[in-house]
C-alpha atoms as a PDB file:
ATOM      1  CA  UNK A   1      29.456  59.906-168.262  1.00  0.00           C
ATOM      2  CA  UNK A   2      27.377  63.045-168.281  1.00  0.00           C
ATOM      3  CA  UNK A   3      28.894  66.357-166.642  1.00  0.00           C
ATOM      4  CA  UNK A   4      26.565  68.956-166.570  1.00  0.00           C
ATOM      5  CA  UNK A   5      28.302  71.489-164.156  1.00  0.00           C
ATOM      6  CA  UNK A   6      25.751  73.767-162.784  1.00  0.00           C
ATOM      7  CA  UNK A   7      26.456  76.729-160.190  1.00  0.00           C
ATOM      8  CA  UNK A   8      23.184  78.657-158.941  1.00  0.00           C
ATOM      9  CA  UNK A   9      24.093  79.789-155.896  1.00  0.00           C
ATOM     10  CA  UNK A  10      22.370  82.085-153.895  1.00  0.00           C
ATOM     11  CA  UNK A  11      23.262  91.643-173.355  1.00  0.00           C
ATOM     12  CA  UNK A  12      24.914  92.082-174.147  1.00  0.00           C
ATOM     13  CA  UNK A  13      26.181  95.788-173.871  1.00  0.00           C
ATOM     14  CA  UNK A  14      23.063  97.020-175.009  1.00  0.00           C
ATOM     15  CA  UNK A  15      20.949  95.195-172.478  1.00  0.00           C
ATOM     16  CA  UNK A  16      23.732  96.721-169.776  1.00  0.00           C
ATOM     17  CA  UNK A  17      23.332 100.036-170.936  1.00  0.00           C
ATOM     18  CA  UNK A  18      19.144  99.521-170.532  1.00  0.00           C
ATOM     19  CA  UNK A  19      19.750  98.828-167.215  1.00  0.00           C
ATOM     20  CA  UNK A  20      18.820 101.793-164.224  1.00  0.00           C
ATOM     21  CA  UNK A  21      21.990 103.487-163.202  1.00  0.00           C
ATOM     22  CA  UNK A  22      22.667 102.443-159.887  1.00  0.00           C
ATOM     23  CA  UNK A  23      22.719  98.939-160.944  1.00  0.00           C
ATOM     24  CA  UNK A  24      25.646  99.322-163.221  1.00  0.00           C
ATOM     25  CA  UNK A  25      28.563  98.395-161.256  1.00  0.00           C
ATOM     26  CA  UNK A  26      31.476 100.686-160.860  1.00  0.00           C
ATOM     27  CA  UNK A  27      34.965  99.305-161.854  1.00  0.00           C
ATOM     28  CA  UNK A  28      37.083 100.608-159.732  1.00  0.00           C
ATOM     29  CA  UNK A  29      41.382  99.827-159.460  1.00  0.00           C
ATOM     30  CA  UNK A  30      40.642  98.044-156.045  1.00  0.00           C
ATOM     31  CA  UNK A  31      38.596  95.230-157.385  1.00  0.00           C
ATOM     32  CA  UNK A  32      39.995  94.316-161.127  1.00  0.00           C
ATOM     33  CA  UNK A  33      42.582  92.044-161.296  1.00  0.00           C
ATOM     34  CA  UNK A  34      45.695  92.757-162.201  1.00  0.00           C
ATOM     35  CA  UNK A  35      46.350  93.247-166.177  1.00  0.00           C
ATOM     36  CA  UNK A  36      50.234  94.616-166.184  1.00  0.00           C
ATOM     37  CA  UNK A  37      50.950  91.657-168.721  1.00  0.00           C
ATOM     38  CA  UNK A  38      48.657  92.989-171.132  1.00  0.00           C
ATOM     39  CA  UNK A  39      51.339  96.138-172.088  1.00  0.00           C
ATOM     40  CA  UNK A  40      52.490  93.744-175.267  1.00  0.00           C
ATOM     41  CA  UNK A  41      52.599  95.335-178.951  1.00  0.00           C
ATOM     42  CA  UNK A  42      49.497  94.449-180.978  1.00  0.00           C
ATOM     43  CA  UNK A  43      50.504  93.204-184.533  1.00  0.00           C
ATOM     44  CA  UNK A  44      48.357  93.428-187.833  1.00  0.00           C
ATOM     45  CA  UNK A  45      47.232  90.555-190.110  1.00  0.00           C
ATOM     46  CA  UNK A  46      45.591  90.955-193.690  1.00  0.00           C
ATOM     47  CA  UNK A  47      43.195  88.698-194.158  1.00  0.00           C
ATOM     48  CA  UNK A  48      40.775  88.255-196.594  1.00  0.00           C
ATOM     49  CA  UNK A  49      40.792  92.158-197.510  1.00  0.00           C
ATOM     50  CA  UNK A  50      40.584  93.161-193.492  1.00  0.00           C
ATOM     51  CA  UNK A  51      43.842  94.329-191.581  1.00  0.00           C
ATOM     52  CA  UNK A  52      43.506  92.150-188.511  1.00  0.00           C
ATOM     53  CA  UNK A  53      44.432  93.453-185.031  1.00  0.00           C
ATOM     54  CA  UNK A  54      45.316  91.050-183.076  1.00  0.00           C
ATOM     55  CA  UNK A  55      47.873  90.046-179.582  1.00  0.00           C
ATOM     56  CA  UNK A  56      49.932  87.033-178.477  1.00  0.00           C
ATOM     57  CA  UNK A  57      50.423  86.282-174.689  1.00  0.00           C
ATOM     58  CA  UNK A  58      52.381  84.067-173.134  1.00  0.00           C
ATOM     59  CA  UNK A  59      53.442  80.381-174.845  1.00  0.00           C
ATOM     60  CA  UNK A  60      52.065  77.016-174.939  1.00  0.00           C
ATOM     61  CA  UNK A  61      48.930  75.663-176.526  1.00  0.00           C
ATOM     62  CA  UNK A  62      47.447  78.168-179.044  1.00  0.00           C
ATOM     63  CA  UNK A  63      44.256  79.571-177.517  1.00  0.00           C
ATOM     64  CA  UNK A  64      42.157  82.059-179.892  1.00  0.00           C
ATOM     65  CA  UNK A  65      40.035  84.713-177.630  1.00  0.00           C
ATOM     66  CA  UNK A  66      37.061  86.866-179.474  1.00  0.00           C
ATOM     67  CA  UNK A  67      35.538  89.079-177.772  1.00  0.00           C
ATOM     68  CA  UNK A  68      31.900  90.282-177.483  1.00  0.00           C
ATOM     69  CA  UNK A  69      29.984  92.669-179.655  1.00  0.00           C
ATOM     70  CA  UNK A  70      30.373  96.409-178.452  1.00  0.00           C
ATOM     71  CA  UNK A  71      33.903  95.289-177.045  1.00  0.00           C
ATOM     72  CA  UNK A  72      37.510  95.553-177.520  1.00  0.00           C
ATOM     73  CA  UNK A  73      39.596  92.332-176.458  1.00  0.00           C
ATOM     74  CA  UNK A  74      40.551  94.473-173.340  1.00  0.00           C
ATOM     75  CA  UNK A  75      36.833  94.827-172.508  1.00  0.00           C
ATOM     76  CA  UNK A  76      36.055  91.451-173.178  1.00  0.00           C
ATOM     77  CA  UNK A  77      39.042  89.409-171.674  1.00  0.00           C
ATOM     78  CA  UNK A  78      41.359  91.892-170.132  1.00  0.00           C
ATOM     79  CA  UNK A  79      40.911  90.604-166.199  1.00  0.00           C
ATOM     80  CA  UNK A  80      41.191  86.721-167.753  1.00  0.00           C
ATOM     81  CA  UNK A  81      44.358  87.304-170.296  1.00  0.00           C
ATOM     82  CA  UNK A  82      47.068  87.585-167.659  1.00  0.00           C
ATOM     83  CA  UNK A  83      45.873  83.877-166.094  1.00  0.00           C
ATOM     84  CA  UNK A  84      45.007  82.378-169.322  1.00  0.00           C
ATOM     85  CA  UNK A  85      49.075  83.608-170.970  1.00  0.00           C
ATOM     86  CA  UNK A  86      50.212  81.590-167.925  1.00  0.00           C
ATOM     87  CA  UNK A  87      49.676  77.970-169.531  1.00  0.00           C
ATOM     88  CA  UNK A  88      48.895  79.070-173.545  1.00  0.00           C
ATOM     89  CA  UNK A  89      50.091  81.008-176.230  1.00  0.00           C
ATOM     90  CA  UNK A  90      46.855  83.444-176.201  1.00  0.00           C
ATOM     91  CA  UNK A  91      46.040  84.876-179.822  1.00  0.00           C
ATOM     92  CA  UNK A  92      43.534  87.887-178.621  1.00  0.00           C
ATOM     93  CA  UNK A  93      42.079  89.123-181.506  1.00  0.00           C
ATOM     94  CA  UNK A  94      39.534  92.723-182.520  1.00  0.00           C
ATOM     95  CA  UNK A  95      36.802  91.804-185.214  1.00  0.00           C
ATOM     96  CA  UNK A  96      36.034  93.587-187.921  1.00  0.00           C
ATOM     97  CA  UNK A  97      34.941  97.577-187.220  1.00  0.00           C
ATOM     98  CA  UNK A  98      36.249  96.806-183.196  1.00  0.00           C
ATOM     99  CA  UNK A  99      38.961  98.433-181.333  1.00  0.00           C
ATOM    100  CA  UNK A 100      41.907  98.620-183.492  1.00  0.00           C
ATOM    101  CA  UNK A 101      40.749  97.039-186.361  1.00  0.00           C
ATOM    102  CA  UNK A 102      39.338  99.376-189.230  1.00  0.00           C
ATOM    103  CA  UNK A 103      35.763  98.722-190.437  1.00  0.00           C
ATOM    104  CA  UNK A 104      35.505  98.062-194.466  1.00  0.00           C
ATOM    105  CA  UNK A 105      33.386  97.494-197.406  1.00  0.00           C
ATOM    106  CA  UNK A 106      31.315  94.167-196.622  1.00  0.00           C
ATOM    107  CA  UNK A 107      28.692  93.032-194.319  1.00  0.00           C
ATOM    108  CA  UNK A 108      29.314  92.102-190.469  1.00  0.00           C
ATOM    109  CA  UNK A 109      28.762  88.679-190.357  1.00  0.00           C
ATOM    110  CA  UNK A 110      29.386  86.156-187.675  1.00  0.00           C
ATOM    111  CA  UNK A 111      30.144  83.716-190.161  1.00  0.00           C
ATOM    112  CA  UNK A 112      33.071  86.762-192.243  1.00  0.00           C
ATOM    113  CA  UNK A 113      34.512  86.911-188.849  1.00  0.00           C
ATOM    114  CA  UNK A 114      35.058  82.999-188.531  1.00  0.00           C
ATOM    115  CA  UNK A 115      36.928  82.834-191.888  1.00  0.00           C
ATOM    116  CA  UNK A 116      39.237  85.600-191.307  1.00  0.00           C
ATOM    117  CA  UNK A 117      39.812  83.872-187.623  1.00  0.00           C
ATOM    118  CA  UNK A 118      40.802  80.932-189.321  1.00  0.00           C
ATOM    119  CA  UNK A 119      42.331  82.950-192.227  1.00  0.00           C
ATOM    120  CA  UNK A 120      44.615  84.381-189.189  1.00  0.00           C
ATOM    121  CA  UNK A 121      45.854  81.190-188.226  1.00  0.00           C
ATOM    122  CA  UNK A 122      46.988  79.640-191.197  1.00  0.00           C
ATOM    123  CA  UNK A 123      48.857  82.938-191.628  1.00  0.00           C
ATOM    124  CA  UNK A 124      50.414  82.236-188.130  1.00  0.00           C
ATOM    125  CA  UNK A 125      50.929  78.751-189.132  1.00  0.00           C
ATOM    126  CA  UNK A 126      48.862  77.444-186.809  1.00  0.00           C
ATOM    127  CA  UNK A 127      47.824  74.055-187.959  1.00  0.00           C
ATOM    128  CA  UNK A 128      44.963  73.722-184.792  1.00  0.00           C
ATOM    129  CA  UNK A 129      43.381  76.150-181.670  1.00  0.00           C
ATOM    130  CA  UNK A 130      41.159  76.416-178.838  1.00  0.00           C
ATOM    131  CA  UNK A 131      38.750  78.947-179.236  1.00  0.00           C
ATOM    132  CA  UNK A 132      37.399  80.776-176.488  1.00  0.00           C
ATOM    133  CA  UNK A 133      34.592  83.392-177.983  1.00  0.00           C
ATOM    134  CA  UNK A 134      32.199  85.525-175.470  1.00  0.00           C
ATOM    135  CA  UNK A 135      28.912  86.403-176.592  1.00  0.00           C
ATOM    136  CA  UNK A 136      29.194  87.658-179.924  1.00  0.00           C
ATOM    137  CA  UNK A 137      32.010  86.307-179.888  1.00  0.00           C
ATOM    138  CA  UNK A 138      30.586  82.879-179.399  1.00  0.00           C
ATOM    139  CA  UNK A 139      28.214  82.994-182.410  1.00  0.00           C
ATOM    140  CA  UNK A 140      31.471  83.585-184.299  1.00  0.00           C
ATOM    141  CA  UNK A 141      32.710  80.605-181.856  1.00  0.00           C
ATOM    142  CA  UNK A 142      30.314  78.476-183.325  1.00  0.00           C
ATOM    143  CA  UNK A 143      30.854  79.156-187.093  1.00  0.00           C
ATOM    144  CA  UNK A 144      34.607  78.480-186.694  1.00  0.00           C
ATOM    145  CA  UNK A 145      33.614  75.125-185.575  1.00  0.00           C
ATOM    146  CA  UNK A 146      30.994  74.525-188.588  1.00  0.00           C
ATOM    147  CA  UNK A 147      32.638  76.318-190.917  1.00  0.00           C
ATOM    148  CA  UNK A 148      36.421  75.310-189.903  1.00  0.00           C
ATOM    149  CA  UNK A 149      36.637  71.918-187.916  1.00  0.00           C
ATOM    150  CA  UNK A 150      40.028  71.501-189.408  1.00  0.00           C
ATOM    151  CA  UNK A 151      41.690  74.246-187.211  1.00  0.00           C
ATOM    152  CA  UNK A 152      39.731  74.068-184.181  1.00  0.00           C
ATOM    153  CA  UNK A 153      40.344  71.863-181.531  1.00  0.00           C
ATOM    154  CA  UNK A 154      38.188  72.530-177.667  1.00  0.00           C
ATOM    155  CA  UNK A 155      35.808  75.393-177.842  1.00  0.00           C
ATOM    156  CA  UNK A 156      34.424  77.751-175.052  1.00  0.00           C
ATOM    157  CA  UNK A 157      31.402  79.133-176.176  1.00  0.00           C
ATOM    158  CA  UNK A 158      29.863  81.798-173.195  1.00  0.00           C
ATOM    159  CA  UNK A 159      27.012  83.513-173.260  1.00  0.00           C
ATOM    160  CA  UNK A 160      25.588  83.054-176.643  1.00  0.00           C
ATOM    161  CA  UNK A 161      22.703  81.915-178.507  1.00  0.00           C
ATOM    162  CA  UNK A 162      21.995  79.761-182.120  1.00  0.00           C
ATOM    163  CA  UNK A 163      18.580  80.764-182.266  1.00  0.00           C
ATOM    164  CA  UNK A 164      16.567  83.610-181.036  1.00  0.00           C
ATOM    165  CA  UNK A 165      14.304  81.499-178.792  1.00  0.00           C
ATOM    166  CA  UNK A 166      17.566  80.811-177.135  1.00  0.00           C
ATOM    167  CA  UNK A 167      17.539  84.752-176.125  1.00  0.00           C
ATOM    168  CA  UNK A 168      15.650  86.285-172.730  1.00  0.00           C
ATOM    169  CA  UNK A 169      12.344  87.615-174.366  1.00  0.00           C
ATOM    170  CA  UNK A 170      12.958  91.022-173.796  1.00  0.00           C
ATOM    171  CA  UNK A 171      16.281  90.785-176.020  1.00  0.00           C
ATOM    172  CA  UNK A 172      15.214  91.195-179.791  1.00  0.00           C
ATOM    173  CA  UNK A 173      12.474  93.668-178.932  1.00  0.00           C
ATOM    174  CA  UNK A 174      15.036  96.243-177.254  1.00  0.00           C
ATOM    175  CA  UNK A 175      17.392  95.466-179.698  1.00  0.00           C
ATOM    176  CA  UNK A 176      14.630  96.542-182.000  1.00  0.00           C
ATOM    177  CA  UNK A 177      14.804 100.071-180.880  1.00  0.00           C
ATOM    178  CA  UNK A 178      17.994  99.960-180.103  1.00  0.00           C
ATOM    179  CA  UNK A 179      19.845 103.763-179.781  1.00  0.00           C
ATOM    180  CA  UNK A 180      23.106 104.973-179.889  1.00  0.00           C
ATOM    181  CA  UNK A 181      22.456 106.461-176.235  1.00  0.00           C
ATOM    182  CA  UNK A 182      21.743 103.646-174.963  1.00  0.00           C
ATOM    183  CA  UNK A 183      25.652 102.129-175.403  1.00  0.00           C
ATOM    184  CA  UNK A 184      27.585 101.881-171.987  1.00  0.00           C
ATOM    185  CA  UNK A 185      29.828 104.503-171.629  1.00  0.00           C
ATOM    186  CA  UNK A 186      33.046 102.318-170.521  1.00  0.00           C
ATOM    187  CA  UNK A 187      32.544 100.743-174.074  1.00  0.00           C
ATOM    188  CA  UNK A 188      32.598 103.919-175.922  1.00  0.00           C
ATOM    189  CA  UNK A 189      35.810 104.782-173.928  1.00  0.00           C
ATOM    190  CA  UNK A 190      37.394 102.074-174.258  1.00  0.00           C
ATOM    191  CA  UNK A 191      37.161 102.475-177.888  1.00  0.00           C
ATOM    192  CA  UNK A 192      38.002 105.880-178.503  1.00  0.00           C
ATOM    193  CA  UNK A 193      40.872 105.371-176.338  1.00  0.00           C
ATOM    194  CA  UNK A 194      42.187 103.189-179.171  1.00  0.00           C
ATOM    195  CA  UNK A 195      40.624 104.983-182.110  1.00  0.00           C
ATOM    196  CA  UNK A 196      39.620 108.675-181.413  1.00  0.00           C
ATOM    197  CA  UNK A 197      37.098 108.807-184.614  1.00  0.00           C
ATOM    198  CA  UNK A 198      33.736 109.313-183.365  1.00  0.00           C
ATOM    199  CA  UNK A 199      32.143 108.611-186.582  1.00  0.00           C
ATOM    200  CA  UNK A 200      33.806 105.097-186.531  1.00  0.00           C
ATOM    201  CA  UNK A 201      32.624 104.182-183.258  1.00  0.00           C
ATOM    202  CA  UNK A 202      28.921 105.487-184.335  1.00  0.00           C
ATOM    203  CA  UNK A 203      29.475 102.620-187.155  1.00  0.00           C
ATOM    204  CA  UNK A 204      30.566  99.937-185.152  1.00  0.00           C
ATOM    205  CA  UNK A 205      27.598 100.543-183.078  1.00  0.00           C
ATOM    206  CA  UNK A 206      24.960 100.256-186.203  1.00  0.00           C
ATOM    207  CA  UNK A 207      27.228  97.320-187.853  1.00  0.00           C
ATOM    208  CA  UNK A 208      26.349  95.286-184.574  1.00  0.00           C
ATOM    209  CA  UNK A 209      22.703  96.000-183.897  1.00  0.00           C
ATOM    210  CA  UNK A 210      22.352  95.627-187.597  1.00  0.00           C
ATOM    211  CA  UNK A 211      23.983  92.329-187.356  1.00  0.00           C
ATOM    212  CA  UNK A 212      21.591  91.048-183.876  1.00  0.00           C
ATOM    213  CA  UNK A 213      18.524  92.718-185.770  1.00  0.00           C
ATOM    214  CA  UNK A 214      19.046  90.731-188.549  1.00  0.00           C
ATOM    215  CA  UNK A 215      20.072  87.558-186.638  1.00  0.00           C
ATOM    216  CA  UNK A 216      20.907  84.702-188.608  1.00  0.00           C
ATOM    217  CA  UNK A 217      20.238  81.551-186.846  1.00  0.00           C
ATOM    218  CA  UNK A 218      22.068  78.111-186.829  1.00  0.00           C
ATOM    219  CA  UNK A 219      20.381  75.002-187.568  1.00  0.00           C
ATOM    220  CA  UNK A 220      19.863  71.993-184.986  1.00  0.00           C
ATOM    221  CA  UNK A 221      21.353  69.869-187.726  1.00  0.00           C
ATOM    222  CA  UNK A 222      24.340  72.330-188.357  1.00  0.00           C
ATOM    223  CA  UNK A 223      25.106  72.155-184.301  1.00  0.00           C
ATOM    224  CA  UNK A 224      24.964  68.711-184.778  1.00  0.00           C
ATOM    225  CA  UNK A 225      27.632  68.926-187.408  1.00  0.00           C
ATOM    226  CA  UNK A 226      30.230  69.818-184.414  1.00  0.00           C
ATOM    227  CA  UNK A 227      32.555  67.596-183.254  1.00  0.00           C
ATOM    228  CA  UNK A 228      34.736  69.550-180.951  1.00  0.00           C
ATOM    229  CA  UNK A 229      34.568  69.372-177.347  1.00  0.00           C
ATOM    230  CA  UNK A 230      32.602  72.518-176.305  1.00  0.00           C
ATOM    231  CA  UNK A 231      32.371  74.225-173.143  1.00  0.00           C
ATOM    232  CA  UNK A 232      29.374  75.914-172.636  1.00  0.00           C
ATOM    233  CA  UNK A 233      29.299  79.279-170.563  1.00  0.00           C
ATOM    234  CA  UNK A 234      26.611  80.961-168.741  1.00  0.00           C
ATOM    235  CA  UNK A 235      25.531  83.478-166.055  1.00  0.00           C
ATOM    236  CA  UNK A 236      22.021  83.079-164.145  1.00  0.00           C
ATOM    237  CA  UNK A 237      21.118  86.520-165.001  1.00  0.00           C
ATOM    238  CA  UNK A 238      22.878  86.358-168.791  1.00  0.00           C
ATOM    239  CA  UNK A 239      21.097  87.711-171.805  1.00  0.00           C
ATOM    240  CA  UNK A 240      20.428  83.386-172.814  1.00  0.00           C
ATOM    241  CA  UNK A 241      18.332  81.439-171.024  1.00  0.00           C
ATOM    242  CA  UNK A 242      19.381  78.531-168.655  1.00  0.00           C
ATOM    243  CA  UNK A 243      17.010  76.356-170.892  1.00  0.00           C
ATOM    244  CA  UNK A 244      18.524  77.016-173.843  1.00  0.00           C
ATOM    245  CA  UNK A 245      22.094  76.418-172.532  1.00  0.00           C
ATOM    246  CA  UNK A 246      20.728  72.932-171.509  1.00  0.00           C
ATOM    247  CA  UNK A 247      19.037  72.548-174.837  1.00  0.00           C
ATOM    248  CA  UNK A 248      23.119  73.718-176.574  1.00  0.00           C
ATOM    249  CA  UNK A 249      24.255  70.946-174.084  1.00  0.00           C
ATOM    250  CA  UNK A 250      22.035  68.275-174.850  1.00  0.00           C
ATOM    251  CA  UNK A 251      22.754  68.477-178.414  1.00  0.00           C
ATOM    252  CA  UNK A 252      26.453  68.794-178.791  1.00  0.00           C
ATOM    253  CA  UNK A 253      27.846  65.598-178.468  1.00  0.00           C
ATOM    254  CA  UNK A 254      30.983  66.593-176.273  1.00  0.00           C
ATOM    255  CA  UNK A 255      30.198  68.889-174.208  1.00  0.00           C
ATOM    256  CA  UNK A 256      29.943  70.318-170.833  1.00  0.00           C
ATOM    257  CA  UNK A 257      27.970  73.022-169.356  1.00  0.00           C
ATOM    258  CA  UNK A 258      28.656  75.406-166.434  1.00  0.00           C
ATOM    259  CA  UNK A 259      25.783  77.899-165.452  1.00  0.00           C
ATOM    260  CA  UNK A 260      27.580  80.617-162.929  1.00  0.00           C
ATOM    261  CA  UNK A 261      25.954  83.436-160.482  1.00  0.00           C
ATOM    262  CA  UNK A 262      26.066  87.003-161.906  1.00  0.00           C
ATOM    263  CA  UNK A 263      25.469  89.014-164.773  1.00  0.00           C
ATOM    264  CA  UNK A 264      26.549  88.635-168.303  1.00  0.00           C
ATOM    265  CA  UNK A 265      30.192  87.928-168.576  1.00  0.00           C
ATOM    266  CA  UNK A 266      30.332  88.337-164.669  1.00  0.00           C
ATOM    267  CA  UNK A 267      32.297  85.492-164.438  1.00  0.00           C
ATOM    268  CA  UNK A 268      35.246  86.769-166.589  1.00  0.00           C
ATOM    269  CA  UNK A 269      35.414  90.221-165.299  1.00  0.00           C
ATOM    270  CA  UNK A 270      33.933  91.793-168.393  1.00  0.00           C
ATOM    271  CA  UNK A 271      34.549  95.226-167.844  1.00  0.00           C
ATOM    272  CA  UNK A 272      30.966  96.309-167.249  1.00  0.00           C
ATOM    273  CA  UNK A 273      30.885  93.903-164.536  1.00  0.00           C
ATOM    274  CA  UNK A 274      31.791  93.391-160.954  1.00  0.00           C
ATOM    275  CA  UNK A 275      35.000  92.893-160.724  1.00  0.00           C
ATOM    276  CA  UNK A 276      35.542  89.546-157.962  1.00  0.00           C
ATOM    277  CA  UNK A 277      38.974  87.707-158.386  1.00  0.00           C
ATOM    278  CA  UNK A 278      37.645  84.951-156.948  1.00  0.00           C
ATOM    279  CA  UNK A 279      35.032  84.517-159.490  1.00  0.00           C
ATOM    280  CA  UNK A 280      37.438  84.880-162.522  1.00  0.00           C
ATOM    281  CA  UNK A 281      40.171  82.403-161.470  1.00  0.00           C
ATOM    282  CA  UNK A 282      37.557  79.723-160.352  1.00  0.00           C
ATOM    283  CA  UNK A 283      36.078  80.676-164.258  1.00  0.00           C
ATOM    284  CA  UNK A 284      39.489  80.112-165.164  1.00  0.00           C
ATOM    285  CA  UNK A 285      40.163  77.073-163.264  1.00  0.00           C
ATOM    286  CA  UNK A 286      36.976  75.452-164.912  1.00  0.00           C
ATOM    287  CA  UNK A 287      38.284  76.411-168.449  1.00  0.00           C
ATOM    288  CA  UNK A 288      41.643  75.030-167.983  1.00  0.00           C
ATOM    289  CA  UNK A 289      40.368  71.866-166.664  1.00  0.00           C
ATOM    290  CA  UNK A 290      38.402  71.395-169.949  1.00  0.00           C
ATOM    291  CA  UNK A 291      41.103  72.236-171.861  1.00  0.00           C
ATOM    292  CA  UNK A 292      43.142  69.813-170.450  1.00  0.00           C
ATOM    293  CA  UNK A 293      40.958  66.527-170.447  1.00  0.00           C
ATOM    294  CA  UNK A 294      40.798  64.205-173.357  1.00  0.00           C
ATOM    295  CA  UNK A 295      37.343  64.174-175.167  1.00  0.00           C
ATOM    296  CA  UNK A 296      34.711  62.498-173.473  1.00  0.00           C
ATOM    297  CA  UNK A 297      30.946  61.681-175.304  1.00  0.00           C
ATOM    298  CA  UNK A 298      27.672  62.038-173.474  1.00  0.00           C
ATOM    299  CA  UNK A 299      25.688  58.945-173.042  1.00  0.00           C
END
């Protein structure tokens, strides 16, 4: 049975920084969901030469969260962690050069990020986990499903593309001319709150921009090797085109697709987006339903 969920009612971080100031939302205490459950001590694991920061919230089936570019686990997932932790052991990580995890002398790649998360799961003695990645984190999630299928159960692939043609037409030209000044101030403040080293912040920015300027595509053949059940989520005003999301949905044998109203990550309350509790809880409800159900193959 084909289950294609499209809800059309009514970048990435650099894209947000390029938008006119009057269109950038102001996140206020009154329109944010409760994140008091987030005050749990973080931990570190030494994986592949990296001192990797992670937090564990809740109990239940393991669910890994991988944040977007230029972000921390709080800026990407701060609004949904308390909701997901009600039914899962949430393992939220901060990747190389981001947040609490310092940069090291090695290339930054989605493949390496995937290897680091897989190594973390091995250290935690978690044999298999669901993985939820947003934006750049979703690219890492795809690489986990390709490179480490033995540790991946289901994947949620949110707001990403696997080849350049899947991005909006302006995206890579914008990346070519990106400047540090275009990085949204809330991301800068979130990083500096964790690590006050402004040089480290600028290094993270350069790392992320360089990775996207040299974006390595995933071939259709590689995508077809993904056996994990997949839930593809994008917004109708995203850095990813709806056509590409549908292409990805058709390519993966065990997949679902939701196209939701709003901007990049608005459906999970990403920090720079409007904070609508009804939208956020609705997204989490769809994710929970996907994670509970048995695997199905599309006709």
